[in-house]
Amino acid sequence: MTGEIAIPVTEQLCHSLFYKMNDSLAVKEGSLSAYQPLPPFLYEAAFYAGIPAVRPWETSDKYIPALMKEWAEQKHLLDMHFSNRNQKAAFVPMKISLGAFLQLLYWTNSKPVNLQSDPGELPIKPVNLKERLNFIFARPAFYHSYIQLSELMTEMEKQYMKMLALEKIKRKRL
């Protein structure tokens, strides 16, 4: 049977930019056992709804490279849209990119994304994260938000690489 299943969006993933209560994500039945980057927070939605699925935050080293690849593709689109001064066309790639950043942030901290929690409480994060995210959320299609998101992605990628290096050193000592 290869039908579709509807995954209800729970409170943890509700935000005006992404989903609202009573939304659901429709996916092909077998797609939860293999990673796909879109829609944003698919695996978190399944986790919070109690549906068996991949949990990328538990083995982030397997899934974060795919997030980085998705970011590179969206960044290319955003560069094109902003160079053409097309804010309207930049909105969807910015939303996807912001979702990728949030996944990178939470997965690096071995947690599923929770839009109701305070990202400033996470141990591994960029400097001034809350203020910068608030700026982006308030103006997601502005060029300055894109620049800020690019910087956050770069900083978070460095934090992730540092975490991997420290884990490797720790494993060697054991």
C-alpha atoms as a PDB file:
ATOM      1  CA  MET A   1       0.000   0.000   0.000  1.00  0.00           C
ATOM      2  CA  THR A   2       1.567   3.299  -1.073  1.00  0.00           C
ATOM      3  CA  GLY A   3      -0.955   5.854   0.043  1.00  0.00           C
ATOM      4  CA  GLU A   4      -0.428   9.134   1.781  1.00  0.00           C
ATOM      5  CA  ILE A   5      -0.506   9.798   5.468  1.00  0.00           C
ATOM      6  CA  ALA A   6      -1.344  13.078   7.134  1.00  0.00           C
ATOM      7  CA  ILE A   7       0.915  14.071  10.005  1.00  0.00           C
ATOM      8  CA  PRO A   8      -0.773  16.574  12.311  1.00  0.00           C
ATOM      9  CA  VAL A   9       1.255  19.662  13.205  1.00  0.00           C
ATOM     10  CA  THR A  10       1.475  19.960  16.974  1.00  0.00           C
ATOM     11  CA  GLU A  11       1.981  23.068  19.077  1.00  0.00           C
ATOM     12  CA  GLN A  12       5.787  22.658  19.114  1.00  0.00           C
ATOM     13  CA  LEU A  13       5.947  23.467  15.382  1.00  0.00           C
ATOM     14  CA  CYS A  14       3.390  26.267  15.239  1.00  0.00           C
ATOM     15  CA  HIS A  15       4.698  29.618  14.094  1.00  0.00           C
ATOM     16  CA  SER A  16       3.020  32.092  11.749  1.00  0.00           C
ATOM     17  CA  LEU A  17       5.839  31.698   9.230  1.00  0.00           C
ATOM     18  CA  PHE A  18       5.622  27.906   9.052  1.00  0.00           C
ATOM     19  CA  TYR A  19       2.502  26.162  10.373  1.00  0.00           C
ATOM     20  CA  LYS A  20      -0.585  26.865  12.431  1.00  0.00           C
ATOM     21  CA  MET A  21      -2.559  24.558  14.718  1.00  0.00           C
ATOM     22  CA  ASN A  22      -4.640  21.965  12.884  1.00  0.00           C
ATOM     23  CA  ASP A  23      -2.318  22.018   9.844  1.00  0.00           C
ATOM     24  CA  SER A  24      -1.050  18.663   8.679  1.00  0.00           C
ATOM     25  CA  LEU A  25       1.756  17.448   6.457  1.00  0.00           C
ATOM     26  CA  ALA A  26       0.762  14.988   3.739  1.00  0.00           C
ATOM     27  CA  VAL A  27       3.555  12.582   2.829  1.00  0.00           C
ATOM     28  CA  LYS A  28       3.874   9.287   1.002  1.00  0.00           C
ATOM     29  CA  GLU A  29       3.627   6.395   3.406  1.00  0.00           C
ATOM     30  CA  GLY A  30       7.211   5.112   3.049  1.00  0.00           C
ATOM     31  CA  SER A  31       8.904   8.522   3.035  1.00  0.00           C
ATOM     32  CA  LEU A  32       9.372   8.733   6.805  1.00  0.00           C
ATOM     33  CA  SER A  33      11.955   5.951   6.868  1.00  0.00           C
ATOM     34  CA  ALA A  34      14.387   7.806   4.566  1.00  0.00           C
ATOM     35  CA  TYR A  35      15.528  11.402   4.932  1.00  0.00           C
ATOM     36  CA  GLN A  36      14.223  14.172   2.687  1.00  0.00           C
ATOM     37  CA  PRO A  37      14.860  17.866   3.445  1.00  0.00           C
ATOM     38  CA  LEU A  38      11.395  19.178   2.626  1.00  0.00           C
ATOM     39  CA  PRO A  39       8.887  20.027   3.986  1.00  0.00           C
ATOM     40  CA  PRO A  40      10.610  21.714   6.933  1.00  0.00           C
ATOM     41  CA  PHE A  41      10.249  19.920  10.269  1.00  0.00           C
ATOM     42  CA  LEU A  42       8.687  16.788   8.753  1.00  0.00           C
ATOM     43  CA  TYR A  43      10.490  14.438  11.130  1.00  0.00           C
ATOM     44  CA  GLU A  44       9.777  16.631  14.128  1.00  0.00           C
ATOM     45  CA  ALA A  45       6.072  16.609  13.216  1.00  0.00           C
ATOM     46  CA  ALA A  46       6.119  12.807  13.073  1.00  0.00           C
ATOM     47  CA  PHE A  47       8.040  12.629  16.374  1.00  0.00           C
ATOM     48  CA  TYR A  48       5.648  14.964  18.222  1.00  0.00           C
ATOM     49  CA  ALA A  49       2.643  13.102  16.767  1.00  0.00           C
ATOM     50  CA  GLY A  50       4.053   9.741  17.880  1.00  0.00           C
ATOM     51  CA  ILE A  51       4.504   8.435  14.328  1.00  0.00           C
ATOM     52  CA  PRO A  52       7.601   6.257  13.722  1.00  0.00           C
ATOM     53  CA  ALA A  53      10.104   8.077  11.499  1.00  0.00           C
ATOM     54  CA  VAL A  54      13.761   8.928  11.067  1.00  0.00           C
ATOM     55  CA  ARG A  55      15.099  11.044  13.952  1.00  0.00           C
ATOM     56  CA  PRO A  56      17.865  13.149  12.363  1.00  0.00           C
ATOM     57  CA  TRP A  57      18.741  14.881  15.641  1.00  0.00           C
ATOM     58  CA  GLU A  58      19.877  11.532  17.111  1.00  0.00           C
ATOM     59  CA  THR A  59      22.487  10.947  14.405  1.00  0.00           C
ATOM     60  CA  SER A  60      22.995  14.466  13.112  1.00  0.00           C
ATOM     61  CA  ASP A  61      26.330  13.691  11.435  1.00  0.00           C
ATOM     62  CA  LYS A  62      24.364  11.597   8.902  1.00  0.00           C
ATOM     63  CA  TYR A  63      21.782  14.275   8.108  1.00  0.00           C
ATOM     64  CA  ILE A  64      23.371  17.691   8.558  1.00  0.00           C
ATOM     65  CA  PRO A  65      25.375  17.418   5.294  1.00  0.00           C
ATOM     66  CA  ALA A  66      22.019  17.114   3.459  1.00  0.00           C
ATOM     67  CA  LEU A  67      20.829  20.277   5.253  1.00  0.00           C
ATOM     68  CA  MET A  68      23.966  22.085   4.114  1.00  0.00           C
ATOM     69  CA  LYS A  69      23.343  20.955   0.549  1.00  0.00           C
ATOM     70  CA  GLU A  70      19.756  22.238   0.743  1.00  0.00           C
ATOM     71  CA  TRP A  71      21.046  25.566   2.097  1.00  0.00           C
ATOM     72  CA  ALA A  72      23.514  25.858  -0.815  1.00  0.00           C
ATOM     73  CA  GLU A  73      20.688  25.324  -3.307  1.00  0.00           C
ATOM     74  CA  GLN A  74      18.407  27.847  -1.592  1.00  0.00           C
ATOM     75  CA  LYS A  75      21.269  30.339  -1.253  1.00  0.00           C
ATOM     76  CA  HIS A  76      21.817  30.200  -5.003  1.00  0.00           C
ATOM     77  CA  LEU A  77      18.118  30.987  -5.565  1.00  0.00           C
ATOM     78  CA  LEU A  78      18.190  33.770  -2.985  1.00  0.00           C
ATOM     79  CA  ASP A  79      21.285  35.341  -4.541  1.00  0.00           C
ATOM     80  CA  MET A  80      19.444  35.412  -7.860  1.00  0.00           C
ATOM     81  CA  HIS A  81      16.186  36.819  -6.413  1.00  0.00           C
ATOM     82  CA  PHE A  82      17.887  39.522  -4.381  1.00  0.00           C
ATOM     83  CA  SER A  83      20.175  40.538  -7.234  1.00  0.00           C
ATOM     84  CA  ASN A  84      16.988  41.018  -9.285  1.00  0.00           C
ATOM     85  CA  ARG A  85      15.412  42.889  -6.329  1.00  0.00           C
ATOM     86  CA  ASN A  86      12.571  40.392  -6.244  1.00  0.00           C
ATOM     87  CA  GLN A  87      11.555  40.196  -2.579  1.00  0.00           C
ATOM     88  CA  LYS A  88       8.318  38.408  -3.380  1.00  0.00           C
ATOM     89  CA  ALA A  89      10.132  35.517  -5.093  1.00  0.00           C
ATOM     90  CA  ALA A  90      12.653  35.351  -2.225  1.00  0.00           C
ATOM     91  CA  PHE A  91      10.006  34.634   0.427  1.00  0.00           C
ATOM     92  CA  VAL A  92       9.652  30.857  -0.108  1.00  0.00           C
ATOM     93  CA  PRO A  93      13.402  30.135  -0.381  1.00  0.00           C
ATOM     94  CA  MET A  94      13.955  32.275   2.742  1.00  0.00           C
ATOM     95  CA  LYS A  95      11.326  30.268   4.614  1.00  0.00           C
ATOM     96  CA  ILE A  96      12.949  26.991   3.517  1.00  0.00           C
ATOM     97  CA  SER A  97      16.393  28.321   4.437  1.00  0.00           C
ATOM     98  CA  LEU A  98      15.227  29.496   7.842  1.00  0.00           C
ATOM     99  CA  GLY A  99      13.757  26.034   8.424  1.00  0.00           C
ATOM    100  CA  ALA A 100      17.096  24.482   7.443  1.00  0.00           C
ATOM    101  CA  PHE A 101      18.902  26.789   9.861  1.00  0.00           C
ATOM    102  CA  LEU A 102      16.568  25.890  12.728  1.00  0.00           C
ATOM    103  CA  GLN A 103      17.049  22.200  11.996  1.00  0.00           C
ATOM    104  CA  LEU A 104      20.828  22.686  11.932  1.00  0.00           C
ATOM    105  CA  LEU A 105      20.652  24.561  15.240  1.00  0.00           C
ATOM    106  CA  TYR A 106      18.497  22.022  17.079  1.00  0.00           C
ATOM    107  CA  TRP A 107      19.988  18.885  15.514  1.00  0.00           C
ATOM    108  CA  THR A 108      23.506  20.048  16.413  1.00  0.00           C
ATOM    109  CA  ASN A 109      22.201  20.152  19.981  1.00  0.00           C
ATOM    110  CA  SER A 110      20.700  16.630  19.549  1.00  0.00           C
ATOM    111  CA  LYS A 111      17.131  17.926  19.880  1.00  0.00           C
ATOM    112  CA  PRO A 112      14.101  18.041  17.577  1.00  0.00           C
ATOM    113  CA  VAL A 113      13.083  21.546  16.504  1.00  0.00           C
ATOM    114  CA  ASN A 114      10.645  23.121  18.951  1.00  0.00           C
ATOM    115  CA  LEU A 115       9.490  26.576  17.867  1.00  0.00           C
ATOM    116  CA  GLN A 116       7.901  27.148  21.283  1.00  0.00           C
ATOM    117  CA  SER A 117      11.175  26.718  23.163  1.00  0.00           C
ATOM    118  CA  ASP A 118      13.844  29.363  23.668  1.00  0.00           C
ATOM    119  CA  PRO A 119      16.700  28.733  21.198  1.00  0.00           C
ATOM    120  CA  GLY A 120      18.886  30.962  23.367  1.00  0.00           C
ATOM    121  CA  GLU A 121      18.897  28.174  25.972  1.00  0.00           C
ATOM    122  CA  LEU A 122      20.654  25.725  23.628  1.00  0.00           C
ATOM    123  CA  PRO A 123      24.302  25.150  24.540  1.00  0.00           C
ATOM    124  CA  ILE A 124      25.639  25.223  20.967  1.00  0.00           C
ATOM    125  CA  LYS A 125      24.495  28.354  19.136  1.00  0.00           C
ATOM    126  CA  PRO A 126      25.700  31.521  17.398  1.00  0.00           C
ATOM    127  CA  VAL A 127      26.185  34.755  19.328  1.00  0.00           C
ATOM    128  CA  ASN A 128      23.077  36.961  19.821  1.00  0.00           C
ATOM    129  CA  LEU A 129      20.914  34.225  18.349  1.00  0.00           C
ATOM    130  CA  LYS A 130      17.539  35.365  19.705  1.00  0.00           C
ATOM    131  CA  GLU A 131      17.873  38.957  18.517  1.00  0.00           C
ATOM    132  CA  ARG A 132      19.059  37.874  15.097  1.00  0.00           C
ATOM    133  CA  LEU A 133      16.288  35.303  14.683  1.00  0.00           C
ATOM    134  CA  ASN A 134      13.671  37.838  15.792  1.00  0.00           C
ATOM    135  CA  PHE A 135      14.947  40.214  13.107  1.00  0.00           C
ATOM    136  CA  ILE A 136      14.673  37.520  10.414  1.00  0.00           C
ATOM    137  CA  PHE A 137      11.233  36.330  11.569  1.00  0.00           C
ATOM    138  CA  ALA A 138       9.921  39.903  11.500  1.00  0.00           C
ATOM    139  CA  ARG A 139      11.148  40.564   7.931  1.00  0.00           C
ATOM    140  CA  PRO A 140      11.765  37.191   6.224  1.00  0.00           C
ATOM    141  CA  ALA A 141      11.890  38.486   2.653  1.00  0.00           C
ATOM    142  CA  PHE A 142      14.229  41.452   3.238  1.00  0.00           C
ATOM    143  CA  TYR A 143      17.764  41.446   1.895  1.00  0.00           C
ATOM    144  CA  HIS A 144      19.206  42.247   5.333  1.00  0.00           C
ATOM    145  CA  SER A 145      17.416  39.209   6.755  1.00  0.00           C
ATOM    146  CA  TYR A 146      19.053  37.104   4.068  1.00  0.00           C
ATOM    147  CA  ILE A 147      22.481  38.477   5.000  1.00  0.00           C
ATOM    148  CA  GLN A 148      21.778  37.787   8.667  1.00  0.00           C
ATOM    149  CA  LEU A 149      20.609  34.232   7.905  1.00  0.00           C
ATOM    150  CA  SER A 150      23.726  33.615   5.782  1.00  0.00           C
ATOM    151  CA  GLU A 151      25.901  34.709   8.687  1.00  0.00           C
ATOM    152  CA  LEU A 152      23.957  32.532  11.121  1.00  0.00           C
ATOM    153  CA  MET A 153      24.356  29.529   8.818  1.00  0.00           C
ATOM    154  CA  THR A 154      28.106  30.119   8.531  1.00  0.00           C
ATOM    155  CA  GLU A 155      28.497  30.503  12.301  1.00  0.00           C
ATOM    156  CA  MET A 156      26.346  27.462  13.044  1.00  0.00           C
ATOM    157  CA  GLU A 157      28.257  25.352  10.543  1.00  0.00           C
ATOM    158  CA  LYS A 158      31.494  26.293  12.353  1.00  0.00           C
ATOM    159  CA  GLN A 159      29.902  25.418  15.701  1.00  0.00           C
ATOM    160  CA  TYR A 160      28.803  22.071  14.282  1.00  0.00           C
ATOM    161  CA  MET A 161      32.290  21.294  12.937  1.00  0.00           C
ATOM    162  CA  LYS A 162      33.813  22.248  16.294  1.00  0.00           C
ATOM    163  CA  MET A 163      31.361  19.931  18.064  1.00  0.00           C
ATOM    164  CA  LEU A 164      32.295  17.059  15.733  1.00  0.00           C
ATOM    165  CA  ALA A 165      36.007  17.648  16.329  1.00  0.00           C
ATOM    166  CA  LEU A 166      35.534  17.721  20.109  1.00  0.00           C
ATOM    167  CA  GLU A 167      33.474  14.507  19.985  1.00  0.00           C
ATOM    168  CA  LYS A 168      36.197  12.821  17.927  1.00  0.00           C
ATOM    169  CA  ILE A 169      38.859  13.833  20.468  1.00  0.00           C
ATOM    170  CA  LYS A 170      36.639  12.608  23.302  1.00  0.00           C
ATOM    171  CA  ARG A 171      36.146   9.202  21.601  1.00  0.00           C
ATOM    172  CA  LYS A 172      39.910   8.813  21.086  1.00  0.00           C
ATOM    173  CA  ARG A 173      40.521   9.341  24.794  1.00  0.00           C
ATOM    174  CA  LEU A 174      38.090   6.558  25.761  1.00  0.00           C
END
